[in-house]
Amino acid sequence: MVIQATQDVSVSLDNKQQRAIAADYLRKTADWKPTYFIKDDGWVYDNKMCHTTHSFEVEAKVRLANEEDKALYTIFTKHLFDL
């Protein structure tokens, strides 16, 4: 989000907009895509959509989940950012 102004500006955001901004910030700063998830094996995976004559999803390993990954996954799966 970019707001450039040469004078005072007042911006009001509703609850959903505030959650969207917070979620976007967390994803950008923590390298966490909306398609990421953590499996029981402790790895971060990415759901990728593949297209040939048919479309199908594959789960690609991204990295071993660290504490930050686990915290983000908990935040996003507990519907704190139910957008």
PDB file of N, CA and C in Angstrom:
ATOM      1  N   MET A   1       0.849  -1.160   0.000  1.00  0.00           N
ATOM      2  CA  MET A   1       0.000   0.000   0.000  1.00  0.00           C
ATOM      3  C   MET A   1       0.898   1.226   0.000  1.00  0.00           C
ATOM      4  N   VAL A   2       0.608   2.161  -0.866  1.00  0.00           N
ATOM      5  CA  VAL A   2       1.378   3.397  -0.941  1.00  0.00           C
ATOM      6  C   VAL A   2       0.414   4.562  -0.860  1.00  0.00           C
ATOM      7  N   ILE A   3       0.690   5.453   0.085  1.00  0.00           N
ATOM      8  CA  ILE A   3      -0.086   6.678   0.195  1.00  0.00           C
ATOM      9  C   ILE A   3       0.907   7.825   0.176  1.00  0.00           C
ATOM     10  N   GLN A   4       0.786   8.653  -0.833  1.00  0.00           N
ATOM     11  CA  GLN A   4       1.655   9.819  -0.936  1.00  0.00           C
ATOM     12  C   GLN A   4       0.769  11.059  -0.903  1.00  0.00           C
ATOM     13  N   ALA A   5       1.126  11.999  -0.034  1.00  0.00           N
ATOM     14  CA  ALA A   5       0.322  13.215   0.082  1.00  0.00           C
ATOM     15  C   ALA A   5       1.214  14.369   0.514  1.00  0.00           C
ATOM     16  N   THR A   6       0.824  15.546   0.122  1.00  0.00           N
ATOM     17  CA  THR A   6       1.557  16.736   0.532  1.00  0.00           C
ATOM     18  C   THR A   6       0.810  17.469   1.643  1.00  0.00           C
ATOM     19  N   GLN A   7      -0.294  16.911   2.079  1.00  0.00           N
ATOM     20  CA  GLN A   7      -1.084  17.495   3.161  1.00  0.00           C
ATOM     21  C   GLN A   7      -1.558  16.383   4.079  1.00  0.00           C
ATOM     22  N   ASP A   8      -2.153  16.750   5.199  1.00  0.00           N
ATOM     23  CA  ASP A   8      -2.665  15.749   6.131  1.00  0.00           C
ATOM     24  C   ASP A   8      -3.778  14.944   5.467  1.00  0.00           C
ATOM     25  N   VAL A   9      -3.708  13.636   5.668  1.00  0.00           N
ATOM     26  CA  VAL A   9      -4.709  12.736   5.106  1.00  0.00           C
ATOM     27  C   VAL A   9      -5.214  11.839   6.219  1.00  0.00           C
ATOM     28  N   SER A  10      -6.501  11.675   6.278  1.00  0.00           N
ATOM     29  CA  SER A  10      -7.101  10.772   7.254  1.00  0.00           C
ATOM     30  C   SER A  10      -7.684   9.585   6.497  1.00  0.00           C
ATOM     31  N   VAL A  11      -7.254   8.396   6.881  1.00  0.00           N
ATOM     32  CA  VAL A  11      -7.704   7.184   6.213  1.00  0.00           C
ATOM     33  C   VAL A  11      -8.376   6.285   7.241  1.00  0.00           C
ATOM     34  N   SER A  12      -9.564   5.847   6.934  1.00  0.00           N
ATOM     35  CA  SER A  12     -10.279   4.919   7.814  1.00  0.00           C
ATOM     36  C   SER A  12     -10.323   3.553   7.151  1.00  0.00           C
ATOM     37  N   LEU A  13      -9.965   2.542   7.917  1.00  0.00           N
ATOM     38  CA  LEU A  13      -9.990   1.178   7.415  1.00  0.00           C
ATOM     39  C   LEU A  13     -10.927   0.354   8.285  1.00  0.00           C
ATOM     40  N   ASP A  14     -11.760  -0.460   7.643  1.00  0.00           N
ATOM     41  CA  ASP A  14     -12.607  -1.334   8.440  1.00  0.00           C
ATOM     42  C   ASP A  14     -11.793  -2.538   8.899  1.00  0.00           C
ATOM     43  N   ASN A  15     -12.394  -3.361   9.718  1.00  0.00           N
ATOM     44  CA  ASN A  15     -11.708  -4.498  10.313  1.00  0.00           C
ATOM     45  C   ASN A  15     -11.131  -5.443   9.259  1.00  0.00           C
ATOM     46  N   LYS A  16     -11.895  -5.731   8.226  1.00  0.00           N
ATOM     47  CA  LYS A  16     -11.428  -6.646   7.178  1.00  0.00           C
ATOM     48  C   LYS A  16     -10.221  -6.073   6.438  1.00  0.00           C
ATOM     49  N   GLN A  17     -10.245  -4.778   6.161  1.00  0.00           N
ATOM     50  CA  GLN A  17      -9.124  -4.133   5.481  1.00  0.00           C
ATOM     51  C   GLN A  17      -7.873  -4.141   6.362  1.00  0.00           C
ATOM     52  N   GLN A  18      -8.052  -3.915   7.659  1.00  0.00           N
ATOM     53  CA  GLN A  18      -6.917  -3.951   8.572  1.00  0.00           C
ATOM     54  C   GLN A  18      -6.297  -5.346   8.619  1.00  0.00           C
ATOM     55  N   ARG A  19      -7.129  -6.396   8.655  1.00  0.00           N
ATOM     56  CA  ARG A  19      -6.619  -7.772   8.661  1.00  0.00           C
ATOM     57  C   ARG A  19      -5.882  -8.073   7.365  1.00  0.00           C
ATOM     58  N   ALA A  20      -6.414  -7.590   6.253  1.00  0.00           N
ATOM     59  CA  ALA A  20      -5.768  -7.836   4.956  1.00  0.00           C
ATOM     60  C   ALA A  20      -4.397  -7.178   4.902  1.00  0.00           C
ATOM     61  N   ILE A  21      -4.277  -5.970   5.431  1.00  0.00           N
ATOM     62  CA  ILE A  21      -2.992  -5.269   5.446  1.00  0.00           C
ATOM     63  C   ILE A  21      -2.007  -5.998   6.350  1.00  0.00           C
ATOM     64  N   ALA A  22      -2.466  -6.417   7.527  1.00  0.00           N
ATOM     65  CA  ALA A  22      -1.589  -7.137   8.454  1.00  0.00           C
ATOM     66  C   ALA A  22      -1.131  -8.464   7.850  1.00  0.00           C
ATOM     67  N   ALA A  23      -2.050  -9.198   7.227  1.00  0.00           N
ATOM     68  CA  ALA A  23      -1.697 -10.480   6.607  1.00  0.00           C
ATOM     69  C   ALA A  23      -0.696 -10.270   5.476  1.00  0.00           C
ATOM     70  N   ASP A  24      -0.916  -9.252   4.668  1.00  0.00           N
ATOM     71  CA  ASP A  24       0.003  -8.949   3.557  1.00  0.00           C
ATOM     72  C   ASP A  24       1.386  -8.607   4.096  1.00  0.00           C
ATOM     73  N   TYR A  25       1.444  -7.817   5.148  1.00  0.00           N
ATOM     74  CA  TYR A  25       2.723  -7.446   5.747  1.00  0.00           C
ATOM     75  C   TYR A  25       3.453  -8.684   6.274  1.00  0.00           C
ATOM     76  N   LEU A  26       2.733  -9.549   7.002  1.00  0.00           N
ATOM     77  CA  LEU A  26       3.353 -10.759   7.539  1.00  0.00           C
ATOM     78  C   LEU A  26       3.882 -11.654   6.426  1.00  0.00           C
ATOM     79  N   ARG A  27       3.101 -11.811   5.370  1.00  0.00           N
ATOM     80  CA  ARG A  27       3.542 -12.665   4.258  1.00  0.00           C
ATOM     81  C   ARG A  27       4.781 -12.109   3.580  1.00  0.00           C
ATOM     82  N   LYS A  28       4.821 -10.809   3.382  1.00  0.00           N
ATOM     83  CA  LYS A  28       5.978 -10.194   2.717  1.00  0.00           C
ATOM     84  C   LYS A  28       7.229 -10.272   3.569  1.00  0.00           C
ATOM     85  N   THR A  29       7.113  -9.958   4.845  1.00  0.00           N
ATOM     86  CA  THR A  29       8.304  -9.907   5.691  1.00  0.00           C
ATOM     87  C   THR A  29       8.806 -11.293   6.072  1.00  0.00           C
ATOM     88  N   ALA A  30       7.939 -12.296   6.048  1.00  0.00           N
ATOM     89  CA  ALA A  30       8.344 -13.636   6.472  1.00  0.00           C
ATOM     90  C   ALA A  30       8.459 -14.619   5.311  1.00  0.00           C
ATOM     91  N   ASP A  31       8.366 -14.137   4.075  1.00  0.00           N
ATOM     92  CA  ASP A  31       8.439 -15.017   2.911  1.00  0.00           C
ATOM     93  C   ASP A  31       7.443 -16.173   3.050  1.00  0.00           C
ATOM     94  N   TRP A  32       6.174 -15.816   3.246  1.00  0.00           N
ATOM     95  CA  TRP A  32       5.125 -16.812   3.445  1.00  0.00           C
ATOM     96  C   TRP A  32       4.029 -16.578   2.405  1.00  0.00           C
ATOM     97  N   LYS A  33       3.949 -17.458   1.403  1.00  0.00           N
ATOM     98  CA  LYS A  33       2.927 -17.341   0.369  1.00  0.00           C
ATOM     99  C   LYS A  33       1.586 -17.845   0.900  1.00  0.00           C
ATOM    100  N   PRO A  34       0.490 -17.347   0.342  1.00  0.00           N
ATOM    101  CA  PRO A  34      -0.831 -17.828   0.767  1.00  0.00           C
ATOM    102  C   PRO A  34      -1.032 -19.320   0.510  1.00  0.00           C
ATOM    103  N   THR A  35      -0.232 -19.902  -0.363  1.00  0.00           N
ATOM    104  CA  THR A  35      -0.377 -21.327  -0.697  1.00  0.00           C
ATOM    105  C   THR A  35       0.506 -22.225   0.161  1.00  0.00           C
ATOM    106  N   TYR A  36       1.254 -21.639   1.101  1.00  0.00           N
ATOM    107  CA  TYR A  36       2.123 -22.432   1.971  1.00  0.00           C
ATOM    108  C   TYR A  36       1.326 -23.107   3.081  1.00  0.00           C
ATOM    109  N   PHE A  37       1.815 -24.252   3.508  1.00  0.00           N
ATOM    110  CA  PHE A  37       1.259 -24.946   4.665  1.00  0.00           C
ATOM    111  C   PHE A  37       2.348 -25.836   5.243  1.00  0.00           C
ATOM    112  N   ILE A  38       2.139 -26.302   6.474  1.00  0.00           N
ATOM    113  CA  ILE A  38       3.112 -27.167   7.138  1.00  0.00           C
ATOM    114  C   ILE A  38       2.472 -28.524   7.366  1.00  0.00           C
ATOM    115  N   LYS A  39       3.203 -29.561   6.970  1.00  0.00           N
ATOM    116  CA  LYS A  39       2.729 -30.930   7.192  1.00  0.00           C
ATOM    117  C   LYS A  39       3.318 -31.462   8.492  1.00  0.00           C
ATOM    118  N   ASP A  40       2.810 -32.606   8.912  1.00  0.00           N
ATOM    119  CA  ASP A  40       3.261 -33.232  10.158  1.00  0.00           C
ATOM    120  C   ASP A  40       4.741 -33.596  10.148  1.00  0.00           C
ATOM    121  N   ASP A  41       5.338 -33.669   8.954  1.00  0.00           N
ATOM    122  CA  ASP A  41       6.766 -34.008   8.886  1.00  0.00           C
ATOM    123  C   ASP A  41       7.669 -32.819   9.205  1.00  0.00           C
ATOM    124  N   GLY A  42       7.055 -31.633   9.473  1.00  0.00           N
ATOM    125  CA  GLY A  42       7.831 -30.466   9.873  1.00  0.00           C
ATOM    126  C   GLY A  42       8.354 -29.626   8.731  1.00  0.00           C
ATOM    127  N   TRP A  43       7.911 -29.880   7.515  1.00  0.00           N
ATOM    128  CA  TRP A  43       8.348 -29.117   6.349  1.00  0.00           C
ATOM    129  C   TRP A  43       7.259 -28.157   5.901  1.00  0.00           C
ATOM    130  N   VAL A  44       7.685 -27.008   5.349  1.00  0.00           N
ATOM    131  CA  VAL A  44       6.774 -26.067   4.701  1.00  0.00           C
ATOM    132  C   VAL A  44       6.609 -26.543   3.262  1.00  0.00           C
ATOM    133  N   TYR A  45       5.369 -26.636   2.822  1.00  0.00           N
ATOM    134  CA  TYR A  45       5.060 -27.046   1.456  1.00  0.00           C
ATOM    135  C   TYR A  45       4.315 -25.930   0.741  1.00  0.00           C
ATOM    136  N   ASP A  46       4.377 -25.960  -0.569  1.00  0.00           N
ATOM    137  CA  ASP A  46       3.656 -25.010  -1.408  1.00  0.00           C
ATOM    138  C   ASP A  46       2.729 -25.799  -2.327  1.00  0.00           C
ATOM    139  N   ASN A  47       1.448 -25.468  -2.306  1.00  0.00           N
ATOM    140  CA  ASN A  47       0.509 -26.063  -3.255  1.00  0.00           C
ATOM    141  C   ASN A  47       0.707 -25.377  -4.596  1.00  0.00           C
ATOM    142  N   LYS A  48       1.127 -26.116  -5.577  1.00  0.00           N
ATOM    143  CA  LYS A  48       1.338 -25.546  -6.906  1.00  0.00           C
ATOM    144  C   LYS A  48       0.350 -26.155  -7.879  1.00  0.00           C
ATOM    145  N   MET A  49      -0.234 -25.313  -8.716  1.00  0.00           N
ATOM    146  CA  MET A  49      -1.157 -25.769  -9.742  1.00  0.00           C
ATOM    147  C   MET A  49      -0.372 -26.004 -11.025  1.00  0.00           C
ATOM    148  N   CYS A  50      -0.481 -27.207 -11.556  1.00  0.00           N
ATOM    149  CA  CYS A  50       0.203 -27.566 -12.804  1.00  0.00           C
ATOM    150  C   CYS A  50      -0.844 -27.705 -13.909  1.00  0.00           C
ATOM    151  N   HIS A  51      -0.445 -27.298 -15.095  1.00  0.00           N
ATOM    152  CA  HIS A  51      -1.369 -27.346 -16.226  1.00  0.00           C
ATOM    153  C   HIS A  51      -0.728 -28.111 -17.378  1.00  0.00           C
ATOM    154  N   THR A  52      -1.397 -29.122 -17.819  1.00  0.00           N
ATOM    155  CA  THR A  52      -1.033 -29.829 -19.050  1.00  0.00           C
ATOM    156  C   THR A  52      -2.336 -29.927 -19.822  1.00  0.00           C
ATOM    157  N   THR A  53      -2.685 -31.087 -20.291  1.00  0.00           N
ATOM    158  CA  THR A  53      -4.018 -31.236 -20.863  1.00  0.00           C
ATOM    159  C   THR A  53      -5.065 -31.254 -19.763  1.00  0.00           C
ATOM    160  N   HIS A  54      -4.600 -31.502 -18.536  1.00  0.00           N
ATOM    161  CA  HIS A  54      -5.440 -31.448 -17.344  1.00  0.00           C
ATOM    162  C   HIS A  54      -4.728 -30.590 -16.294  1.00  0.00           C
ATOM    163  N   SER A  55      -5.492 -30.049 -15.365  1.00  0.00           N
ATOM    164  CA  SER A  55      -4.901 -29.292 -14.262  1.00  0.00           C
ATOM    165  C   SER A  55      -4.835 -30.191 -13.033  1.00  0.00           C
ATOM    166  N   PHE A  56      -3.740 -30.064 -12.303  1.00  0.00           N
ATOM    167  CA  PHE A  56      -3.612 -30.823 -11.073  1.00  0.00           C
ATOM    168  C   PHE A  56      -2.686 -30.065 -10.122  1.00  0.00           C
ATOM    169  N   GLU A  57      -2.843 -30.348  -8.837  1.00  0.00           N
ATOM    170  CA  GLU A  57      -2.021 -29.703  -7.823  1.00  0.00           C
ATOM    171  C   GLU A  57      -0.929 -30.650  -7.340  1.00  0.00           C
ATOM    172  N   VAL A  58       0.227 -30.068  -7.044  1.00  0.00           N
ATOM    173  CA  VAL A  58       1.309 -30.828  -6.434  1.00  0.00           C
ATOM    174  C   VAL A  58       1.756 -30.077  -5.185  1.00  0.00           C
ATOM    175  N   GLU A  59       2.264 -30.830  -4.232  1.00  0.00           N
ATOM    176  CA  GLU A  59       2.804 -30.254  -3.014  1.00  0.00           C
ATOM    177  C   GLU A  59       4.320 -30.264  -3.117  1.00  0.00           C
ATOM    178  N   ALA A  60       4.906 -29.089  -3.219  1.00  0.00           N
ATOM    179  CA  ALA A  60       6.358 -28.970  -3.352  1.00  0.00           C
ATOM    180  C   ALA A  60       6.967 -28.562  -2.013  1.00  0.00           C
ATOM    181  N   LYS A  61       7.996 -29.288  -1.580  1.00  0.00           N
ATOM    182  CA  LYS A  61       8.707 -28.928  -0.357  1.00  0.00           C
ATOM    183  C   LYS A  61       9.419 -27.600  -0.566  1.00  0.00           C
ATOM    184  N   VAL A  62       9.282 -26.714   0.406  1.00  0.00           N
ATOM    185  CA  VAL A  62       9.931 -25.403   0.322  1.00  0.00           C
ATOM    186  C   VAL A  62      11.136 -25.340   1.248  1.00  0.00           C
ATOM    187  N   ARG A  63      10.909 -25.648   2.518  1.00  0.00           N
ATOM    188  CA  ARG A  63      11.993 -25.575   3.506  1.00  0.00           C
ATOM    189  C   ARG A  63      11.538 -26.269   4.781  1.00  0.00           C
ATOM    190  N   LEU A  64      12.496 -26.571   5.631  1.00  0.00           N
ATOM    191  CA  LEU A  64      12.186 -27.103   6.944  1.00  0.00           C
ATOM    192  C   LEU A  64      11.570 -25.971   7.766  1.00  0.00           C
ATOM    193  N   ALA A  65      10.429 -26.225   8.381  1.00  0.00           N
ATOM    194  CA  ALA A  65       9.706 -25.179   9.114  1.00  0.00           C
ATOM    195  C   ALA A  65      10.479 -24.760  10.367  1.00  0.00           C
ATOM    196  N   ASN A  66      10.674 -23.462  10.510  1.00  0.00           N
ATOM    197  CA  ASN A  66      11.287 -22.930  11.731  1.00  0.00           C
ATOM    198  C   ASN A  66      10.164 -22.408  12.637  1.00  0.00           C
ATOM    199  N   GLU A  67      10.524 -21.840  13.761  1.00  0.00           N
ATOM    200  CA  GLU A  67       9.516 -21.377  14.718  1.00  0.00           C
ATOM    201  C   GLU A  67       8.648 -20.263  14.131  1.00  0.00           C
ATOM    202  N   GLU A  68       9.247 -19.400  13.324  1.00  0.00           N
ATOM    203  CA  GLU A  68       8.475 -18.334  12.680  1.00  0.00           C
ATOM    204  C   GLU A  68       7.443 -18.920  11.724  1.00  0.00           C
ATOM    205  N   ASP A  69       7.851 -19.902  10.935  1.00  0.00           N
ATOM    206  CA  ASP A  69       6.916 -20.561  10.018  1.00  0.00           C
ATOM    207  C   ASP A  69       5.748 -21.175  10.785  1.00  0.00           C
ATOM    208  N   LYS A  70       6.061 -21.851  11.876  1.00  0.00           N
ATOM    209  CA  LYS A  70       5.020 -22.502  12.673  1.00  0.00           C
ATOM    210  C   LYS A  70       4.054 -21.474  13.258  1.00  0.00           C
ATOM    211  N   ALA A  71       4.592 -20.352  13.713  1.00  0.00           N
ATOM    212  CA  ALA A  71       3.738 -19.297  14.268  1.00  0.00           C
ATOM    213  C   ALA A  71       2.824 -18.717  13.188  1.00  0.00           C
ATOM    214  N   LEU A  72       3.382 -18.449  12.011  1.00  0.00           N
ATOM    215  CA  LEU A  72       2.567 -17.913  10.913  1.00  0.00           C
ATOM    216  C   LEU A  72       1.487 -18.899  10.488  1.00  0.00           C
ATOM    217  N   TYR A  73       1.855 -20.149  10.384  1.00  0.00           N
ATOM    218  CA  TYR A  73       0.884 -21.164   9.990  1.00  0.00           C
ATOM    219  C   TYR A  73      -0.262 -21.223  11.001  1.00  0.00           C
ATOM    220  N   THR A  74       0.063 -21.132  12.273  1.00  0.00           N
ATOM    221  CA  THR A  74      -0.968 -21.132  13.313  1.00  0.00           C
ATOM    222  C   THR A  74      -1.861 -19.906  13.174  1.00  0.00           C
ATOM    223  N   ILE A  75      -1.263 -18.760  12.954  1.00  0.00           N
ATOM    224  CA  ILE A  75      -2.050 -17.524  12.799  1.00  0.00           C
ATOM    225  C   ILE A  75      -3.024 -17.648  11.633  1.00  0.00           C
ATOM    226  N   PHE A  76      -2.521 -18.098  10.494  1.00  0.00           N
ATOM    227  CA  PHE A  76      -3.378 -18.148   9.308  1.00  0.00           C
ATOM    228  C   PHE A  76      -4.396 -19.292   9.359  1.00  0.00           C
ATOM    229  N   THR A  77      -4.092 -20.393  10.026  1.00  0.00           N
ATOM    230  CA  THR A  77      -5.034 -21.504  10.062  1.00  0.00           C
ATOM    231  C   THR A  77      -6.061 -21.378  11.175  1.00  0.00           C
ATOM    232  N   LYS A  78      -5.792 -20.540  12.156  1.00  0.00           N
ATOM    233  CA  LYS A  78      -6.764 -20.340  13.238  1.00  0.00           C
ATOM    234  C   LYS A  78      -7.783 -19.264  12.860  1.00  0.00           C
ATOM    235  N   HIS A  79      -7.783 -18.862  11.619  1.00  0.00           N
ATOM    236  CA  HIS A  79      -8.753 -17.916  11.065  1.00  0.00           C
ATOM    237  C   HIS A  79      -8.674 -16.526  11.684  1.00  0.00           C
ATOM    238  N   LEU A  80      -7.492 -16.184  12.173  1.00  0.00           N
ATOM    239  CA  LEU A  80      -7.321 -14.816  12.654  1.00  0.00           C
ATOM    240  C   LEU A  80      -7.340 -13.841  11.487  1.00  0.00           C
ATOM    241  N   PHE A  81      -7.055 -14.350  10.278  1.00  0.00           N
ATOM    242  CA  PHE A  81      -7.107 -13.527   9.074  1.00  0.00           C
ATOM    243  C   PHE A  81      -8.118 -14.106   8.112  1.00  0.00           C
ATOM    244  N   ASP A  82      -9.305 -14.373   8.617  1.00  0.00           N
ATOM    245  CA  ASP A  82     -10.378 -14.960   7.810  1.00  0.00           C
ATOM    246  C   ASP A  82     -10.861 -13.916   6.811  1.00  0.00           C
ATOM    247  N   LEU A  83     -10.214 -13.875   5.659  1.00  0.00           N
ATOM    248  CA  LEU A  83     -10.517 -12.844   4.659  1.00  0.00           C
ATOM    249  C   LEU A  83     -11.448 -13.329   3.586  1.00  0.00           C
TER     250      LEU A  83
END
